């Protein structure tokens, strides 16, 4: 006799993802919940979903017991998420050697408008894409991150950009976490029908996993998915416990941050400082420690500021939509492009960081796919001193 189909709901998500170390805090489950019984803790540094109702304990959900499965369908770390999304987006699963995901092209690009390039990070490409897509009708709102208040706390918070000015206000990198998907309701309340998402690699898997698993009506509004290459984000405590305590770099004096082999910091007085990344590892956010996706493998366009050219963005074109947008922007001069092969070191670094990050996926997870990488050559032993 066939067994009854397993109903996978909050209880399974709680055990397999939220409390197992796999949860990245992307908030896909919170956004997709049709009963609004999931909350999101971004105030204590946890960046995790939780159940608002107390029945059945933290892993209990009466709606799940009755058959609701929206949260597990919307989670890009639940069960066989990677091969499911690959098959949906690309018609096949990635090959083992495709450690940075399936792609069409890799180029270097930046905004041609000097004001946009200056306001943005690494040439302002993402800002240029959002502004162009808003003007051309591809999207009518974008989910992005802003800095809280006047920006001096450096706490990143999700928000909505509907105008070029709002896009530029969101430009730049924070390196602390913001679940940009949480701005979805605000965008919809403002009348948005075609929404663009700019999110870290974990967040960029949310729209396609919702679509392939048919997680309610949320997915239909996502019209553009821009992913940010991401190896980790840091706990907010890094400002006081490392940057201030050891280096005297107070958060309310920081005006810009970047990572280029070191943690780069610019202050209001015009001074520039570098902090070794090794010293920052202790403040790695919990949700990043098991994330296998450096390259935002399920975005339409994946972007990151790695490589030799500080004012160019390494750009990975993954979908037909991503290629269509970039080709049109190159044709009308909104962005400037050059072959990715102009910076072979950047592509080598992309593959290296992607390989290293896939090793984070634990062997105890339900599926092995994210961990599959080509056999690695043995490390050379250091010669013994004479």
Protein backbone atom coordinates (compact mmCIF):
# COMPACT_ATOMS: atom_id res chain seq x y z
CA UNK A 1 0.00 0.00 0.00
CA UNK A 2 1.37 3.48 -0.84
CA UNK A 3 2.20 5.61 2.17
CA UNK A 4 0.39 8.89 2.72
CA UNK A 5 2.24 11.87 1.25
CA UNK A 6 4.36 13.58 3.90
CA UNK A 7 3.18 17.09 4.73
CA UNK A 8 6.33 19.15 5.22
CA UNK A 9 5.61 22.23 7.32
CA UNK A 10 6.99 24.47 10.08
CA UNK A 11 7.83 21.57 12.42
CA UNK A 12 10.14 20.12 9.75
CA UNK A 13 11.62 23.52 8.88
CA UNK A 14 12.27 24.22 12.55
CA UNK A 15 14.14 20.95 13.03
CA UNK A 16 15.95 20.67 9.70
CA UNK A 17 16.85 24.30 9.02
CA UNK A 18 16.09 26.90 11.69
CA UNK A 19 17.74 25.07 14.60
CA UNK A 20 20.24 22.93 12.68
CA UNK A 21 22.60 25.70 11.55
CA UNK A 22 21.37 25.77 7.94
CA UNK A 23 19.13 28.84 8.33
CA UNK A 24 20.66 31.90 6.70
CA UNK A 25 17.97 34.28 7.90
CA UNK A 26 16.74 35.04 4.37
CA UNK A 27 13.15 35.39 5.70
CA UNK A 28 11.61 33.65 2.71
CA UNK A 29 9.41 31.60 5.04
CA UNK A 30 8.20 34.73 6.84
CA UNK A 31 7.26 36.49 3.61
CA UNK A 32 5.45 33.44 2.23
CA UNK A 33 3.43 32.59 5.35
CA UNK A 34 -0.25 33.11 4.41
CA UNK A 35 -1.39 33.20 8.05
CA UNK A 36 1.19 35.73 9.30
CA UNK A 37 2.21 33.52 12.20
CA UNK A 38 5.96 33.75 11.58
CA UNK A 39 7.99 36.63 12.96
CA UNK A 40 11.58 37.64 12.29
CA UNK A 41 14.19 38.44 14.93
CA UNK A 42 16.65 41.01 13.61
CA UNK A 43 17.03 42.96 16.86
CA UNK A 44 19.21 40.62 18.92
CA UNK A 45 21.68 39.60 16.23
CA UNK A 46 19.97 36.25 15.58
CA UNK A 47 18.37 37.03 12.20
CA UNK A 48 16.09 34.01 12.42
CA UNK A 49 12.37 33.32 11.91
CA UNK A 50 10.25 32.26 14.85
CA UNK A 51 6.63 31.26 15.46
CA UNK A 52 4.46 34.01 16.91
CA UNK A 53 1.98 31.66 18.51
CA UNK A 54 2.86 29.52 21.50
CA UNK A 55 0.78 26.44 20.80
CA UNK A 56 2.89 23.33 20.47
CA UNK A 57 6.13 25.09 21.43
CA UNK A 58 8.48 26.95 19.06
CA UNK A 59 8.33 24.19 16.47
CA UNK A 60 4.56 23.84 16.53
CA UNK A 61 2.08 25.27 14.03
CA UNK A 62 -1.62 24.45 13.91
CA UNK A 63 -1.77 25.59 10.29
CA UNK A 64 1.03 23.20 9.40
CA UNK A 65 -0.77 20.41 11.21
CA UNK A 66 -3.78 21.14 9.00
CA UNK A 67 -1.73 20.92 5.81
CA UNK A 68 -0.11 24.36 5.21
CA UNK A 69 3.35 23.92 3.68
CA UNK A 70 4.15 27.47 2.52
CA UNK A 71 7.16 27.96 4.78
CA UNK A 72 9.03 24.86 3.63
CA UNK A 73 8.21 25.62 0.02
CA UNK A 74 9.73 29.08 0.38
CA UNK A 75 12.93 28.02 2.11
CA UNK A 76 16.07 27.95 -0.08
CA UNK A 77 17.84 25.65 2.37
CA UNK A 78 15.14 23.01 2.84
CA UNK A 79 15.72 19.56 1.39
CA UNK A 80 16.85 19.42 -2.30
CA UNK A 81 16.73 23.18 -2.88
CA UNK A 82 19.75 23.51 -5.21
CA UNK A 83 18.89 20.85 -7.83
CA UNK A 84 15.23 21.87 -7.75
CA UNK A 85 16.04 25.50 -8.52
CA UNK A 86 18.71 24.56 -11.09
CA UNK A 87 16.24 22.41 -12.97
CA UNK A 88 13.64 25.15 -12.90
CA UNK A 89 15.91 28.01 -13.99
CA UNK A 90 18.32 26.26 -16.31
CA UNK A 91 16.69 22.98 -17.33
CA UNK A 92 19.46 20.94 -15.72
CA UNK A 93 21.42 20.63 -12.51
CA UNK A 94 24.88 22.13 -12.29
CA UNK A 95 27.88 20.02 -13.12
CA UNK A 96 30.29 19.35 -10.29
CA UNK A 97 32.92 21.61 -11.81
CA UNK A 98 30.45 24.51 -12.00
CA UNK A 99 31.24 25.52 -8.44
CA UNK A 100 30.05 29.09 -9.07
CA UNK A 101 26.74 27.89 -10.53
CA UNK A 102 25.36 27.76 -14.07
CA UNK A 103 25.97 30.87 -16.14
CA UNK A 104 25.90 32.27 -19.66
CA UNK A 105 28.59 34.97 -19.54
CA UNK A 106 31.03 36.59 -17.14
CA UNK A 107 31.91 40.22 -17.82
CA UNK A 108 33.25 43.30 -16.06
CA UNK A 109 30.85 46.23 -15.97
CA UNK A 110 30.28 49.63 -14.41
CA UNK A 111 27.91 52.58 -14.68
CA UNK A 112 28.75 55.16 -17.35
CA UNK A 113 27.14 57.95 -15.31
CA UNK A 114 29.87 59.29 -13.02
CA UNK A 115 27.42 60.25 -10.28
CA UNK A 116 25.97 56.74 -10.17
CA UNK A 117 29.43 55.16 -10.29
CA UNK A 118 30.63 57.35 -7.43
CA UNK A 119 27.59 56.74 -5.24
CA UNK A 120 27.62 52.99 -5.77
CA UNK A 121 30.10 50.28 -4.90
CA UNK A 122 32.70 49.05 -7.40
CA UNK A 123 31.50 51.18 -10.28
CA UNK A 124 27.83 51.46 -9.36
CA UNK A 125 26.60 48.65 -11.61
CA UNK A 126 23.74 47.47 -9.38
CA UNK A 127 22.45 51.02 -8.93
CA UNK A 128 22.61 51.57 -12.69
CA UNK A 129 20.65 48.36 -13.35
CA UNK A 130 17.91 49.29 -10.88
CA UNK A 131 17.54 52.83 -12.19
CA UNK A 132 17.42 51.63 -15.80
CA UNK A 133 14.91 48.87 -15.03
CA UNK A 134 12.66 51.31 -13.16
CA UNK A 135 12.76 53.73 -16.10
CA UNK A 136 12.17 51.01 -18.71
CA UNK A 137 9.31 49.37 -16.85
CA UNK A 138 10.99 46.06 -16.02
CA UNK A 139 10.25 46.74 -12.35
CA UNK A 140 8.27 49.32 -10.42
CA UNK A 141 10.01 48.84 -7.07
CA UNK A 142 13.16 47.21 -5.71
CA UNK A 143 13.80 45.54 -2.37
CA UNK A 144 17.12 46.89 -1.11
CA UNK A 145 18.83 47.76 2.17
CA UNK A 146 19.27 51.14 3.79
CA UNK A 147 21.12 52.29 6.86
CA UNK A 148 18.99 52.84 9.93
CA UNK A 149 18.26 56.43 10.94
CA UNK A 150 21.02 58.88 10.00
CA UNK A 151 23.35 56.02 9.10
CA UNK A 152 25.71 56.37 12.04
CA UNK A 153 24.66 53.06 13.65
CA UNK A 154 25.54 51.16 10.46
CA UNK A 155 22.60 48.84 11.10
CA UNK A 156 21.31 47.65 7.73
CA UNK A 157 17.54 47.49 7.36
CA UNK A 158 15.31 46.35 4.46
CA UNK A 159 13.51 48.97 2.41
CA UNK A 160 11.93 49.80 -0.93
CA UNK A 161 13.40 51.93 -3.73
CA UNK A 162 10.98 53.36 -6.31
CA UNK A 163 12.99 56.30 -7.69
CA UNK A 164 16.58 56.89 -8.82
CA UNK A 165 17.18 58.97 -5.70
CA UNK A 166 16.02 56.13 -3.46
CA UNK A 167 18.21 53.68 -5.37
CA UNK A 168 21.27 55.86 -4.83
CA UNK A 169 20.39 56.31 -1.15
CA UNK A 170 20.63 52.53 -0.79
CA UNK A 171 23.97 52.24 -2.64
CA UNK A 172 27.07 50.87 -0.96
CA UNK A 173 27.97 47.85 1.14
CA UNK A 174 27.29 47.29 4.83
CA UNK A 175 28.71 43.81 5.65
CA UNK A 176 26.11 43.34 8.35
CA UNK A 177 22.91 41.49 7.47
CA UNK A 178 19.65 42.81 6.09
CA UNK A 179 16.86 40.47 5.02
CA UNK A 180 15.76 42.58 2.06
CA UNK A 181 12.91 40.18 1.34
CA UNK A 182 11.19 41.59 4.45
CA UNK A 183 10.44 44.79 2.52
CA UNK A 184 8.09 42.82 0.23
CA UNK A 185 4.88 43.81 2.06
CA UNK A 186 5.88 47.49 1.97
CA UNK A 187 6.43 47.28 -1.78
CA UNK A 188 3.07 45.59 -2.36
CA UNK A 189 1.30 48.08 -0.09
CA UNK A 190 2.74 50.83 -2.30
CA UNK A 191 1.18 49.24 -5.37
CA UNK A 192 4.19 47.39 -6.77
CA UNK A 193 3.37 44.61 -9.24
CA UNK A 194 6.86 44.02 -10.66
CA UNK A 195 9.44 43.82 -7.90
CA UNK A 196 13.21 43.61 -8.17
CA UNK A 197 15.21 41.99 -5.39
CA UNK A 198 18.78 42.89 -4.53
CA UNK A 199 20.02 40.39 -1.99
CA UNK A 200 22.92 38.38 -0.78
CA UNK A 201 23.39 34.92 -2.26
CA UNK A 202 21.04 33.21 0.18
CA UNK A 203 18.25 35.71 -0.53
CA UNK A 204 18.64 35.44 -4.29
CA UNK A 205 17.50 31.81 -4.11
CA UNK A 206 14.18 32.82 -2.51
CA UNK A 207 12.20 33.92 -5.61
CA UNK A 208 13.06 30.86 -7.73
CA UNK A 209 12.48 28.36 -4.91
CA UNK A 210 9.09 29.95 -4.27
CA UNK A 211 8.28 29.68 -7.94
CA UNK A 212 9.38 26.10 -8.49
CA UNK A 213 7.69 24.88 -5.33
CA UNK A 214 4.57 27.00 -5.90
CA UNK A 215 4.76 28.75 -2.54
CA UNK A 216 1.67 30.89 -2.84
CA UNK A 217 1.23 34.19 -4.67
CA UNK A 218 4.39 35.94 -3.50
CA UNK A 219 6.67 34.64 -6.25
CA UNK A 220 4.61 36.03 -9.14
CA UNK A 221 5.55 39.64 -8.30
CA UNK A 222 9.31 39.07 -8.42
CA UNK A 223 10.38 40.33 -11.84
CA UNK A 224 14.15 40.73 -11.41
CA UNK A 225 16.67 39.03 -9.15
CA UNK A 226 20.10 40.58 -8.57
CA UNK A 227 22.42 38.57 -6.34
CA UNK A 228 25.47 39.83 -4.46
CA UNK A 229 28.56 37.64 -4.20
CA UNK A 230 28.86 36.97 -0.49
CA UNK A 231 31.20 34.90 1.66
CA UNK A 232 29.82 36.14 4.97
CA UNK A 233 28.31 38.98 6.94
CA UNK A 234 29.32 40.08 10.42
CA UNK A 235 27.48 40.43 13.70
CA UNK A 236 26.75 44.02 14.66
CA UNK A 237 28.98 43.51 17.72
CA UNK A 238 32.06 43.75 15.49
CA UNK A 239 31.86 47.55 15.61
CA UNK A 240 32.38 47.85 19.37
CA UNK A 241 34.24 44.64 20.13
CA UNK A 242 36.86 44.83 17.36
CA UNK A 243 36.83 47.98 15.27
CA UNK A 244 36.45 50.36 18.23
CA UNK A 245 38.06 48.35 21.04
CA UNK A 246 41.23 47.46 19.13
CA UNK A 247 41.53 50.07 16.40
CA UNK A 248 39.63 53.05 17.80
CA UNK A 249 37.36 53.12 14.74
CA UNK A 250 34.00 54.32 16.04
CA UNK A 251 30.97 53.30 14.02
CA UNK A 252 29.45 56.79 13.96
CA UNK A 253 32.59 58.07 12.25
CA UNK A 254 32.61 55.47 9.45
CA UNK A 255 31.45 56.70 6.03
CA UNK A 256 32.33 53.76 3.80
CA UNK A 257 33.40 50.12 4.01
CA UNK A 258 34.67 47.61 1.48
CA UNK A 259 36.45 44.27 1.44
CA UNK A 260 39.39 43.78 -0.91
CA UNK A 261 41.52 41.16 0.78
CA UNK A 262 41.28 43.29 3.92
CA UNK A 263 38.43 45.11 5.65
CA UNK A 264 38.72 48.65 4.27
CA UNK A 265 37.26 51.52 6.31
CA UNK A 266 37.01 55.23 5.55
CA UNK A 267 36.23 57.77 8.28
CA UNK A 268 34.57 61.18 8.28
CA UNK A 269 37.93 62.88 8.84
CA UNK A 270 39.14 61.53 5.49
CA UNK A 271 41.41 58.86 6.95
CA UNK A 272 41.61 55.34 5.58
CA UNK A 273 42.18 52.18 7.64
CA UNK A 274 42.64 48.46 7.03
CA UNK A 275 41.70 45.60 9.34
CA UNK A 276 42.96 42.07 8.58
CA UNK A 277 40.07 39.80 7.66
CA UNK A 278 41.45 37.03 9.86
CA UNK A 279 40.70 39.20 12.87
CA UNK A 280 37.08 39.57 11.74
CA UNK A 281 36.27 35.87 11.45
CA UNK A 282 35.25 35.58 15.11
CA UNK A 283 32.31 37.89 14.37
CA UNK A 284 31.00 35.86 11.41
CA UNK A 285 27.21 35.77 11.62
CA UNK A 286 25.88 32.35 12.61
CA UNK A 287 23.65 32.12 9.53
CA UNK A 288 26.67 32.34 7.22
CA UNK A 289 28.71 29.49 8.68
CA UNK A 290 26.96 26.71 6.73
CA UNK A 291 26.02 28.66 3.59
CA UNK A 292 27.49 26.98 0.48
CA UNK A 293 26.62 29.70 -2.05
CA UNK A 294 29.24 32.39 -2.61
CA UNK A 295 28.27 33.27 -6.16
CA UNK A 296 24.52 33.98 -5.84
CA UNK A 297 23.98 31.03 -8.16
CA UNK A 298 20.24 31.50 -8.67
CA UNK A 299 20.03 35.20 -9.52
CA UNK A 300 19.33 36.62 -12.97
CA UNK A 301 22.54 38.63 -12.58
CA UNK A 302 25.19 38.01 -9.92
CA UNK A 303 27.55 40.83 -9.02
CA UNK A 304 30.59 41.37 -6.85
CA UNK A 305 33.57 43.63 -6.40
CA UNK A 306 36.38 41.09 -6.58
CA UNK A 307 39.48 41.26 -8.71
CA UNK A 308 42.15 43.72 -9.72
CA UNK A 309 39.91 46.60 -10.83
CA UNK A 310 38.35 48.46 -7.91
CA UNK A 311 35.93 50.45 -10.04
CA UNK A 312 34.51 47.51 -12.02
CA UNK A 313 32.00 44.86 -10.96
CA UNK A 314 32.51 41.20 -11.80
CA UNK A 315 29.17 40.34 -13.37
CA UNK A 316 27.79 36.83 -13.92
CA UNK A 317 24.94 36.60 -16.42
CA UNK A 318 22.77 33.60 -15.58
CA UNK A 319 19.34 33.87 -17.20
CA UNK A 320 17.87 35.08 -20.49
CA UNK A 321 16.35 38.04 -18.65
CA UNK A 322 19.70 38.97 -17.16
CA UNK A 323 21.37 38.84 -20.57
CA UNK A 324 18.56 40.87 -22.19
CA UNK A 325 18.87 43.67 -19.64
CA UNK A 326 22.65 43.91 -19.75
CA UNK A 327 22.81 43.78 -23.55
CA UNK A 328 20.30 46.63 -23.85
CA UNK A 329 22.15 48.67 -21.23
CA UNK A 330 25.44 48.16 -23.04
CA UNK A 331 23.84 49.12 -26.34
CA UNK A 332 22.39 52.38 -25.07
CA UNK A 333 25.53 53.28 -23.14
CA UNK A 334 24.05 53.15 -19.64
CA UNK A 335 26.82 50.81 -18.59
CA UNK A 336 30.32 50.11 -19.86
CA UNK A 337 31.50 46.53 -20.24
CA UNK A 338 34.64 44.60 -20.91
CA UNK A 339 35.39 40.85 -21.13
CA UNK A 340 35.75 38.98 -17.88
CA UNK A 341 38.98 37.56 -19.28
CA UNK A 342 40.50 41.02 -18.83
CA UNK A 343 40.82 40.04 -15.17
CA UNK A 344 41.59 36.31 -15.05
CA UNK A 345 42.55 36.67 -11.42
CA UNK A 346 38.99 37.73 -10.57
CA UNK A 347 37.50 34.67 -12.24
CA UNK A 348 40.05 32.41 -10.54
CA UNK A 349 39.16 34.00 -7.21
CA UNK A 350 35.46 33.52 -7.93
CA UNK A 351 36.02 29.81 -8.46
CA UNK A 352 38.29 29.50 -5.43
CA UNK A 353 35.90 31.25 -3.05
CA UNK A 354 32.94 29.31 -4.46
CA UNK A 355 34.77 26.02 -3.96
CA UNK A 356 35.76 26.91 -0.40
CA UNK A 357 32.25 27.98 0.48
CA UNK A 358 30.63 24.80 -0.83
CA UNK A 359 32.69 22.90 1.72
CA UNK A 360 30.66 24.61 4.45
CA UNK A 361 27.52 22.63 3.63
CA UNK A 362 27.40 20.01 6.42
CA UNK A 363 27.46 16.30 5.71
CA UNK A 364 24.51 15.95 8.07
CA UNK A 365 22.23 17.92 5.71
CA UNK A 366 19.40 16.13 3.91
CA UNK A 367 21.12 16.38 0.49
CA UNK A 368 24.76 16.48 -0.60
CA UNK A 369 24.39 18.51 -3.82
CA UNK A 370 25.73 21.85 -2.52
CA UNK A 371 28.91 20.15 -1.25
CA UNK A 372 29.76 18.44 -4.54
CA UNK A 373 32.99 19.88 -5.93
CA UNK A 374 35.78 18.55 -8.14
CA UNK A 375 38.48 16.50 -6.39
CA UNK A 376 40.97 18.85 -4.80
CA UNK A 377 44.72 18.39 -5.29
CA UNK A 378 46.57 17.51 -2.09
CA UNK A 379 48.11 20.43 -0.28
CA UNK A 380 51.86 20.70 -0.64
CA UNK A 381 53.68 20.04 2.57
CA UNK A 382 56.02 22.74 3.73
CA UNK A 383 59.63 21.75 3.53
CA UNK A 384 61.21 21.09 6.91
CA UNK A 385 63.78 23.66 7.91
CA UNK A 386 67.33 22.56 7.23
